[in-house]
Protein backbone atom coordinates (compact mmCIF):
# COMPACT_ATOMS: atom_id res chain seq x y z
CA MET A 1 -29.40 5.55 -12.82
CA PRO A 2 -29.34 8.41 -14.98
CA GLU A 3 -27.41 8.14 -18.70
CA PRO A 4 -23.81 9.38 -18.69
CA GLN A 5 -22.78 12.97 -19.47
CA SER A 6 -19.68 13.83 -20.74
CA ARG A 7 -18.10 16.06 -18.39
CA ILE A 8 -15.16 16.14 -15.74
CA ARG A 9 -16.58 15.33 -12.37
CA THR A 10 -15.74 16.09 -8.58
CA VAL A 11 -16.12 13.89 -5.85
CA ASP A 12 -15.22 15.00 -2.09
CA ILE A 13 -14.09 12.90 0.33
CA ASP A 14 -15.40 14.33 4.01
CA LEU A 15 -13.14 13.58 6.78
CA PRO A 16 -12.38 15.73 9.76
CA GLY A 17 -9.08 17.75 9.10
CA ALA A 18 -8.26 15.40 5.81
CA GLY A 19 -10.58 15.98 3.41
CA TYR A 20 -9.62 15.98 -0.46
CA ALA A 21 -11.08 15.99 -3.81
CA VAL A 22 -11.57 12.86 -6.39
CA HIS A 23 -11.03 14.83 -9.78
CA ILE A 24 -12.05 12.37 -12.65
CA GLY A 25 -12.14 13.07 -16.16
CA PRO A 26 -10.54 12.75 -19.89
CA GLY A 27 -6.72 14.27 -19.95
CA LEU A 28 -6.04 15.50 -16.43
CA LEU A 29 -2.64 13.96 -16.36
CA LYS A 30 -1.73 16.80 -18.68
CA ASP A 31 -3.92 19.37 -16.66
CA LYS A 32 -1.32 21.86 -15.28
CA ALA A 33 -3.93 23.94 -13.72
CA LEU A 34 -5.07 21.44 -11.70
CA TRP A 35 -1.61 19.73 -10.77
CA THR A 36 -0.44 23.44 -9.51
CA ARG A 37 -3.59 23.49 -7.50
CA CYS A 38 -2.92 19.99 -5.84
CA LEU A 39 0.81 20.39 -5.44
CA SER A 40 2.73 21.34 -2.56
CA PRO A 41 5.97 23.87 -3.06
CA GLY A 42 8.56 21.28 -1.53
CA LYS A 43 9.80 18.48 -3.72
CA LEU A 44 7.97 16.23 -5.80
CA LEU A 45 8.82 12.21 -6.28
CA LEU A 46 7.03 10.67 -9.37
CA VAL A 47 6.91 6.82 -8.57
CA SER A 48 5.80 4.50 -11.28
CA ASP A 49 6.35 1.26 -12.81
CA GLU A 50 7.89 0.12 -15.97
CA ASN A 51 4.63 -0.45 -17.74
CA VAL A 52 3.13 2.81 -17.21
CA ALA A 53 6.04 5.24 -16.87
CA PRO A 54 6.78 4.73 -20.81
CA LEU A 55 3.05 5.87 -21.56
CA TYR A 56 2.55 8.45 -18.98
CA ALA A 57 5.37 9.87 -17.09
CA GLU A 58 6.42 12.34 -19.25
CA SER A 59 2.65 14.30 -19.56
CA LEU A 60 2.51 14.04 -15.99
CA LEU A 61 6.27 15.64 -15.67
CA ASN A 62 5.17 18.30 -18.63
CA ALA A 63 2.41 19.31 -16.41
CA VAL A 64 4.52 19.79 -13.00
CA GLN A 65 7.40 21.81 -14.85
CA GLY A 66 9.54 24.24 -13.20
CA ARG A 67 9.24 22.23 -9.72
CA HIS A 68 12.05 19.87 -8.37
CA ALA A 69 10.83 16.23 -9.53
CA GLU A 70 12.48 13.02 -9.24
CA THR A 71 11.49 10.07 -11.18
CA LEU A 72 11.47 6.25 -9.48
CA VAL A 73 10.66 3.49 -12.06
CA LEU A 74 9.80 -0.08 -10.59
CA PRO A 75 9.35 -3.37 -11.60
CA ALA A 76 5.75 -4.07 -12.56
CA GLY A 77 3.78 -6.47 -10.27
CA GLU A 78 2.60 -7.43 -6.59
CA ALA A 79 6.11 -8.99 -6.00
CA GLN A 80 7.07 -5.20 -4.98
CA LYS A 81 5.04 -4.58 -2.15
CA THR A 82 7.57 -6.04 0.16
CA PHE A 83 9.84 -4.47 2.85
CA ASP A 84 12.25 -4.43 0.09
CA GLY A 85 10.16 -2.27 -2.35
CA TRP A 86 9.40 0.33 0.58
CA ARG A 87 12.72 0.68 1.46
CA THR A 88 13.61 1.34 -2.53
CA VAL A 89 11.12 4.43 -2.43
CA THR A 90 12.25 5.57 1.04
CA ASP A 91 15.68 5.81 0.11
CA ARG A 92 15.02 7.72 -3.08
CA LEU A 93 13.26 10.28 -0.92
CA VAL A 94 16.42 10.32 1.37
CA GLU A 95 18.72 10.60 -1.54
CA THR A 96 16.23 13.25 -2.93
CA GLY A 97 16.37 15.55 0.10
CA ALA A 98 12.98 15.37 0.35
CA LEU A 99 11.50 17.32 3.36
CA ARG A 100 8.33 17.40 5.29
CA ASP A 101 6.99 19.51 2.41
CA ALA A 102 7.42 16.86 -0.45
CA THR A 103 5.07 15.37 -2.14
CA VAL A 104 5.00 11.36 -3.29
CA VAL A 105 2.86 11.18 -6.70
CA ALA A 106 1.79 7.44 -7.35
CA LEU A 107 1.39 7.10 -11.06
CA GLY A 108 0.14 3.26 -11.47
CA GLY A 109 -2.15 0.96 -10.30
CA GLY A 110 -2.63 -0.48 -7.30
CA VAL A 111 0.68 -1.94 -6.22
CA VAL A 112 2.00 1.67 -6.87
CA GLY A 113 -0.32 3.22 -5.02
CA ASP A 114 0.16 1.09 -2.08
CA LEU A 115 3.55 0.97 -1.97
CA ALA A 116 4.33 4.86 -2.79
CA GLY A 117 1.54 5.52 -0.23
CA PHE A 118 2.90 3.53 2.60
CA ALA A 119 6.43 5.37 1.91
CA ALA A 120 4.75 8.40 2.10
CA ALA A 121 3.05 7.75 5.58
CA THR A 122 6.20 6.56 7.12
CA TYR A 123 8.69 8.67 5.71
CA MET A 124 9.17 11.60 8.51
CA ARG A 125 6.10 10.37 10.24
CA GLY A 126 4.09 10.99 6.80
CA ILE A 127 4.38 13.59 4.23
CA ARG A 128 1.85 14.33 1.54
CA TYR A 129 0.96 11.94 -1.47
CA ILE A 130 -1.28 12.01 -4.42
CA GLN A 131 -2.58 9.15 -6.14
CA ALA A 132 -2.90 9.24 -10.19
CA PRO A 133 -4.44 5.58 -10.83
CA THR A 134 -4.39 4.10 -14.24
CA THR A 135 -5.92 1.31 -13.75
CA LEU A 136 -9.36 0.92 -13.13
CA LEU A 137 -9.45 -0.98 -10.20
CA ALA A 138 -7.08 1.88 -8.74
CA GLN A 139 -9.72 4.20 -9.83
CA VAL A 140 -12.82 2.86 -8.57
CA ASP A 141 -11.24 1.34 -5.50
CA ALA A 142 -7.48 1.40 -4.35
CA SER A 143 -6.67 4.90 -4.71
CA VAL A 144 -9.42 6.39 -2.67
CA GLY A 145 -9.82 6.03 1.01
CA GLY A 146 -6.62 6.01 2.47
CA LYS A 147 -5.35 2.63 2.82
CA THR A 148 -1.63 2.06 2.20
CA ALA A 149 0.20 -1.35 2.98
CA ILE A 150 2.92 -3.99 1.88
CA ASN A 151 2.39 -7.52 1.98
CA HIS A 152 4.03 -10.19 4.21
CA PRO A 153 4.50 -14.21 3.00
CA ALA A 154 1.90 -14.84 5.92
CA GLY A 155 -0.92 -12.60 3.95
CA LYS A 156 -1.84 -9.34 1.70
CA ASN A 157 -1.60 -6.12 3.03
CA LEU A 158 -0.46 -7.28 6.43
CA VAL A 159 1.53 -4.42 7.31
CA GLY A 160 0.04 -1.05 6.65
CA THR A 161 -1.64 2.26 7.97
CA PHE A 162 -4.42 4.59 7.02
CA HIS A 163 -3.12 7.82 5.46
CA GLN A 164 -4.98 9.94 3.32
CA PRO A 165 -4.02 11.12 -0.05
CA ALA A 166 -3.73 14.79 -0.69
CA ALA A 167 -5.84 14.60 -4.27
CA VAL A 168 -6.58 11.75 -6.35
CA ILE A 169 -6.27 12.42 -10.00
CA ILE A 170 -8.41 10.12 -12.28
CA ASP A 171 -7.28 10.11 -16.03
CA SER A 172 -10.08 8.53 -17.48
CA ASP A 173 -7.72 8.03 -21.13
CA THR A 174 -5.39 6.21 -19.55
CA LEU A 175 -8.08 2.98 -19.57
CA ALA A 176 -7.60 2.72 -23.37
CA SER A 177 -4.27 1.29 -22.68
CA LEU A 178 -5.02 -0.96 -20.27
CA PRO A 179 -4.70 -4.96 -20.99
CA ALA A 180 -8.09 -6.66 -21.31
CA ARG A 181 -7.58 -8.81 -18.52
CA GLU A 182 -6.48 -6.01 -16.14
CA PHE A 183 -9.59 -4.06 -17.11
CA SER A 184 -11.95 -6.73 -16.82
CA ALA A 185 -10.59 -7.13 -13.15
CA GLY A 186 -10.93 -3.63 -11.94
CA LEU A 187 -14.76 -4.17 -12.90
CA ALA A 188 -14.68 -6.62 -10.06
CA GLU A 189 -14.74 -4.00 -7.79
CA VAL A 190 -17.48 -2.27 -9.73
CA VAL A 191 -19.78 -4.87 -9.63
CA LYS A 192 -18.83 -5.05 -5.74
CA TYR A 193 -20.50 -1.79 -5.31
CA GLY A 194 -23.79 -3.00 -7.00
CA VAL A 195 -23.81 -6.27 -5.00
CA ILE A 196 -23.29 -4.45 -1.32
CA ARG A 197 -24.80 -0.86 -1.80
CA ASP A 198 -26.58 -0.23 -4.72
CA ARG A 199 -28.96 -2.53 -6.82
CA THR A 200 -30.05 0.01 -9.49
CA PHE A 201 -26.31 0.63 -10.07
CA PHE A 202 -25.97 -3.55 -10.56
CA SER A 203 -29.06 -3.42 -12.83
CA TRP A 204 -27.14 -0.54 -14.95
CA LEU A 205 -23.92 -2.40 -14.92
CA ARG A 206 -25.79 -5.63 -16.54
CA GLU A 207 -27.86 -3.75 -19.00
CA ARG A 208 -24.94 -2.10 -20.42
CA THR A 209 -22.24 -4.40 -20.08
CA GLN A 210 -21.44 -4.30 -23.89
CA GLU A 211 -20.75 -0.33 -23.65
CA ILE A 212 -18.34 -1.07 -21.03
CA ILE A 213 -16.51 -3.70 -22.01
CA ALA A 214 -16.38 -1.79 -25.56
CA ARG A 215 -14.90 1.09 -23.07
CA ASP A 216 -17.13 3.88 -24.49
CA SER A 217 -15.68 6.81 -22.96
CA GLU A 218 -19.21 8.24 -21.68
CA TYR A 219 -20.30 4.94 -19.96
CA LEU A 220 -17.04 4.46 -18.18
CA LEU A 221 -17.01 8.24 -17.10
CA GLU A 222 -20.46 7.44 -15.38
CA MET A 223 -19.19 4.10 -13.90
CA ILE A 224 -15.89 5.22 -12.32
CA ALA A 225 -17.68 8.25 -10.66
CA ARG A 226 -20.67 6.43 -9.58
CA SER A 227 -18.57 3.51 -7.93
CA VAL A 228 -16.24 6.52 -6.42
CA ARG A 229 -19.31 7.99 -4.78
CA HIS A 230 -19.82 4.77 -3.13
CA LYS A 231 -16.33 4.47 -2.17
CA ALA A 232 -16.73 8.09 -0.72
CA GLU A 233 -19.71 7.80 1.11
CA VAL A 234 -18.48 5.10 3.29
CA VAL A 235 -14.85 6.20 4.11
CA SER A 236 -16.43 9.71 5.01
CA GLU A 237 -18.46 7.43 7.31
CA ASP A 238 -16.10 5.39 8.59
CA GLU A 239 -12.42 6.04 7.64
CA LYS A 240 -10.78 3.65 10.12
CA GLU A 241 -12.70 0.50 9.10
CA ARG A 242 -14.29 0.17 12.58
CA GLY A 243 -17.78 -0.25 11.29
CA VAL A 244 -19.53 0.19 7.62
CA ARG A 245 -16.23 0.38 5.90
CA ALA A 246 -15.41 -3.22 6.44
CA LEU A 247 -18.74 -3.94 4.09
CA LEU A 248 -16.37 -2.79 1.06
CA ASN A 249 -14.33 -6.20 1.97
CA PHE A 250 -17.09 -7.76 0.54
CA GLY A 251 -15.05 -11.33 -1.24
CA HIS A 252 -12.26 -9.92 -0.25
CA SER A 253 -11.55 -12.55 2.63
CA PHE A 254 -11.94 -15.40 0.41
CA GLY A 255 -9.99 -13.25 -2.80
CA HIS A 256 -7.08 -12.13 -0.35
CA ALA A 257 -6.62 -16.53 0.72
CA LEU A 258 -6.49 -17.59 -2.79
CA GLU A 259 -3.97 -14.76 -3.80
CA THR A 260 -1.81 -15.83 -0.62
CA LEU A 261 -1.93 -19.53 -1.52
CA THR A 262 -0.98 -18.68 -4.87
CA ALA A 263 2.09 -16.80 -4.35
CA PHE A 264 0.29 -13.87 -5.48
CA SER A 265 1.36 -15.04 -8.57
CA LYS A 266 -1.78 -16.66 -10.37
CA TYR A 267 -4.73 -14.44 -10.20
CA LEU A 268 -4.75 -10.69 -10.47
CA HIS A 269 -6.76 -9.05 -7.21
CA GLY A 270 -9.96 -8.25 -8.82
CA GLU A 271 -9.90 -11.86 -10.32
CA ALA A 272 -9.56 -12.88 -6.83
CA VAL A 273 -12.27 -10.73 -5.36
CA ALA A 274 -14.40 -12.10 -8.19
CA ILE A 275 -14.29 -15.45 -7.01
CA GLY A 276 -14.68 -14.47 -3.69
CA MET A 277 -17.77 -12.61 -4.18
CA VAL A 278 -19.23 -15.80 -5.93
CA ILE A 279 -18.07 -17.73 -2.98
CA ALA A 280 -19.52 -15.07 -0.04
CA ALA A 281 -22.84 -15.09 -2.12
CA THR A 282 -23.31 -18.71 -2.34
CA LEU A 283 -22.56 -18.85 1.40
CA SER A 284 -25.21 -16.58 2.11
CA GLU A 285 -27.85 -18.64 0.15
CA GLN A 286 -26.55 -21.27 1.70
CA ARG A 287 -27.19 -19.69 5.17
CA GLY A 288 -30.92 -18.74 4.10
CA MET A 289 -29.75 -14.94 4.14
CA CYS A 290 -30.79 -14.02 0.81
CA PRO A 291 -33.17 -15.45 -2.10
CA ASP A 292 -32.29 -18.24 -4.41
CA GLY A 293 -30.48 -17.09 -7.30
CA CYS A 294 -28.41 -13.97 -6.08
CA SER A 295 -25.22 -16.12 -6.70
CA GLU A 296 -25.99 -16.71 -9.99
CA ALA A 297 -26.89 -13.75 -10.87
CA ILE A 298 -23.74 -12.11 -9.48
CA GLU A 299 -21.65 -15.09 -11.22
CA LYS A 300 -23.34 -14.23 -14.63
CA LEU A 301 -22.47 -10.66 -14.48
CA LEU A 302 -18.98 -11.33 -13.62
CA GLU A 303 -18.48 -13.83 -16.40
CA GLY A 304 -20.05 -11.49 -18.51
CA PHE A 305 -16.95 -9.11 -17.58
CA GLY A 306 -14.61 -11.87 -18.50
CA LEU A 307 -13.61 -12.83 -14.87
CA PRO A 308 -12.94 -16.06 -13.18
CA VAL A 309 -15.99 -17.78 -10.93
CA HIS A 310 -14.78 -20.96 -10.07
CA TRP A 311 -12.32 -22.12 -7.09
CA PRO A 312 -9.32 -23.60 -8.21
CA LEU A 313 -9.66 -27.47 -7.39
CA ALA A 314 -6.06 -27.58 -6.88
CA LEU A 315 -6.52 -25.73 -3.37
CA THR A 316 -8.42 -27.59 -0.48
CA ALA A 317 -10.97 -25.53 1.70
CA GLU A 318 -9.21 -26.36 4.78
CA ASP A 319 -5.95 -24.49 3.69
CA THR A 320 -8.32 -21.61 2.22
CA ILE A 321 -9.44 -21.66 6.12
CA GLU A 322 -6.19 -21.28 7.63
CA ALA A 323 -4.89 -18.74 5.18
CA MET A 324 -8.09 -16.44 6.06
CA ALA A 325 -7.71 -16.81 9.64
CA MET A 326 -4.27 -14.75 8.97
CA ASP A 327 -6.35 -12.29 6.83
CA LYS A 328 -6.14 -8.53 8.09
CA LYS A 329 -9.86 -8.63 8.52
CA ALA A 330 -10.25 -11.87 10.73
CA LEU A 331 -10.28 -10.86 14.60
CA ALA A 332 -8.90 -12.72 17.54
CA SER A 333 -13.05 -14.09 18.04
CA GLY A 334 -12.57 -15.60 14.74
CA LEU A 335 -13.58 -15.16 10.98
CA ARG A 336 -15.52 -11.69 10.48
CA LEU A 337 -17.43 -12.06 6.70
CA ILE A 338 -19.02 -9.85 4.54
CA LEU A 339 -22.21 -11.70 3.44
CA ILE A 340 -25.83 -10.55 1.51
CA GLU A 341 -29.39 -10.49 2.28
CA ASP A 342 -29.90 -9.21 -1.45
CA ILE A 343 -28.19 -7.75 -4.10
CA GLY A 344 -27.86 -4.14 -2.82
CA LYS A 345 -27.62 -4.88 0.76
CA ALA A 346 -24.69 -6.44 2.61
CA VAL A 347 -24.22 -7.54 6.18
CA ILE A 348 -21.09 -8.14 8.60
CA VAL A 349 -21.82 -11.63 9.87
CA PRO A 350 -19.00 -12.61 12.51
CA GLY A 351 -18.36 -16.14 13.76
CA CYS A 352 -19.08 -17.83 10.12
CA SER A 353 -18.67 -21.86 10.63
CA ARG A 354 -15.81 -23.46 8.99
CA ARG A 355 -18.44 -26.25 7.92
CA ASP A 356 -20.41 -23.63 6.24
CA ILE A 357 -17.56 -22.28 4.82
CA VAL A 358 -16.39 -25.55 3.49
CA ARG A 359 -19.79 -26.09 1.96
CA ALA A 360 -19.69 -22.54 0.08
CA ILE A 361 -15.89 -23.36 -1.32
CA GLU A 362 -16.69 -26.56 -2.07
CA SER A 363 -20.10 -26.06 -4.33
CA ARG A 364 -17.92 -23.66 -6.45
CA ILE A 365 -14.93 -26.14 -7.06
CA ASP A 366 -13.93 -26.05 -10.68
CA ARG A 367 -13.80 -29.70 -11.50
CA ARG A 368 -14.26 -29.36 -15.27
């Protein structure tokens, strides 16, 4: 993998009738020319949260001066991804008098992107929206691909739709203000790309762990661009997750169950996915699918990025399987998991037995 170069990157998402560009680089929230190209002539609703808006809303609004722009600032956190949160955004669109040519801009992390995107997808049967992600997790994963959703008490993202953004604008400068825990959580999704698709990228991450933790701007730009390219290739091949796109859910079935069982309050999404990836890799090893040592290598890299890797003692394996059965990736025929044959190669495995899943979870319980 080449060493990073300091420049703005553009990654194209190639979809029939719905293609768009992902723009990546420093200072893009202030780039008036870029925003002028990406916006429609209609009204604009900027949706953000109370953590992000004070930092970046003014810069973005200055870049879109001359347009009719309204701002909606929501409380921060996963608790906003509900029917009430969707209603709040929809009500503001109605109050603003937004028509079919309006644009919703999601400025924030994955919660804001999912919620604002879902409101845009359902308002007047679908209006334009632009993702302006400010967290690492949203930049490398959630903002790209058109998944929009809200949570249900029975499970994460159970209510949602595919609605592609008109553009994704990633300002890498926003990572400077990201709390360390959230930055680490985003790295889980970065590691995922290495595990499921790109062994060379996995090795690069392992060799550049310290530079990445230090948030070296050049290495971050390369890391984000590489991750987005992987997401773009998968989405372009399988927009609606009928095949290869399911591989992007490596670790997510376990992770979503963990989030649901802890009421979305104990773990950040990336933290839950990190634990889920270790469980999935362990299950792969125990089934004889991948070489011994894969789960240990994944665990070591995740720990190096400050992520949790053990299943909590308080949650039983049986409770986890029940929660997984309600995950949106489950099928009527049973659980469908993403496992690995090696680092860099993931596969879809239907019909994993309860016994094997329980064994993998119990082998990774934190008993300290």
